[in-house]
Amino acid sequence: MARIYVSYKYEDEELAKALATRLEKLEHDVVWDRELPIGSSWREELQRSLLGSDAMLLIWTENTRRSQFVAAEVGAARTEPNLAILPVVFGGAEYPSFVNDLLMESVVDEPDAADLDELAAKLDRSVRDRMDYRRSGWPKVFISHRHDDEAIVHALAVCFEEQFDIDRSDIRCTSVEPYRLEAGTNTSDRLREELARAEVVLGVLTQDTSESTYVMFELGSAWGQRVWTCPLLARGASYPAIPDPIKDLAPLHLSSASDCRRLLRDVGGRTTLEANPRRDEERVARQIEKLVAEASKPPTAADDGEPSGPRPEPQPE
């Protein structure tokens, strides 16, 4: 399926071998330094293998912190835009600053066989999603939102699924599967490029949205790049909730069924999305009712500044 390079410190060889074996069983071509041919120039072979891979599995432990070579491999990998870096931090080791903008998987306790099986399955899904996404292109609809508003955004995404023929790459919605970012993604760079390429940007705004730096970044970026943007007000939010750069844009209210229908019509006219060939008006109407119900709920507690990237991993502001 994919060619995966394993970067690790030699003290963690057993851990590297265990993950490599599991990934090979999942039909990936795994490269690590124990497979180098006799007599080869190991530095050249490793560099060639690294830069020719689809992904790099970074095994980060307390041992790795003392390895200059692992850090160099990460530096080389970051020069290749199509090479995914999949960091896995073991044992609570301090996360290295040179990859703290990447989403990571964290394994705090000593992993047993079942833990390693689960980790390999997660890595497999990340690599496959990344490769599928690379082939399929860029999202047409970008939904900017806070994590606290995940339920609203999920209902909105299902409305699109009922109305249009949706592929997982058509929507970017960073807290709702299957539209989240892939593990190992450079969050800020990827979102910035997706915003520039999106056909429409939708900003879900509640009373506390202004406290989310990522939503402000995303909507400001869309405004600066002249992407068609629509503010969507929910849970008691009114005109003051709209960020200054886009205050001149007419909002829609997700608590209004007629505004939700208008949104679907407008998105259909502004994008290259095709109508769902199996569309059922009753199902669309029921999903709009669910969206209106979520958007009409009382405001939640104030946001804590959490970014709109995937939630389980810590992200810098």
Foldseek 3Di string as FASTA:
>chain_A
DWEEEEQDDPVCVVVSVLLQVLLVVVVYRYDYQVPDDPPDPSVVVSLVSLLPTQEYEYEAEPRCVPDPVSVVSVVSQVVDPRYFYAYEYEQPPDDDPVQQLFFYHYHNDDDDSVNSNVVSVLVVVLSVVSVVLVVPDAAQEEEFEDPVLVQLVVLLVVLCVQWFVDDLRNYAQAADPPRHHGGRDSPPVVLLVNLLVYLEYEYEWEPQGVLAPQSVVSVVSNLVNVHHYEYEYFQPDDLVRDDPSCSVHDHFYLLDLVSSVVVSVVSVVRTPTHTDPPRDVVVSSVSSVSSNVSRHDHDDPHDPNQYRHYPPGDHDD
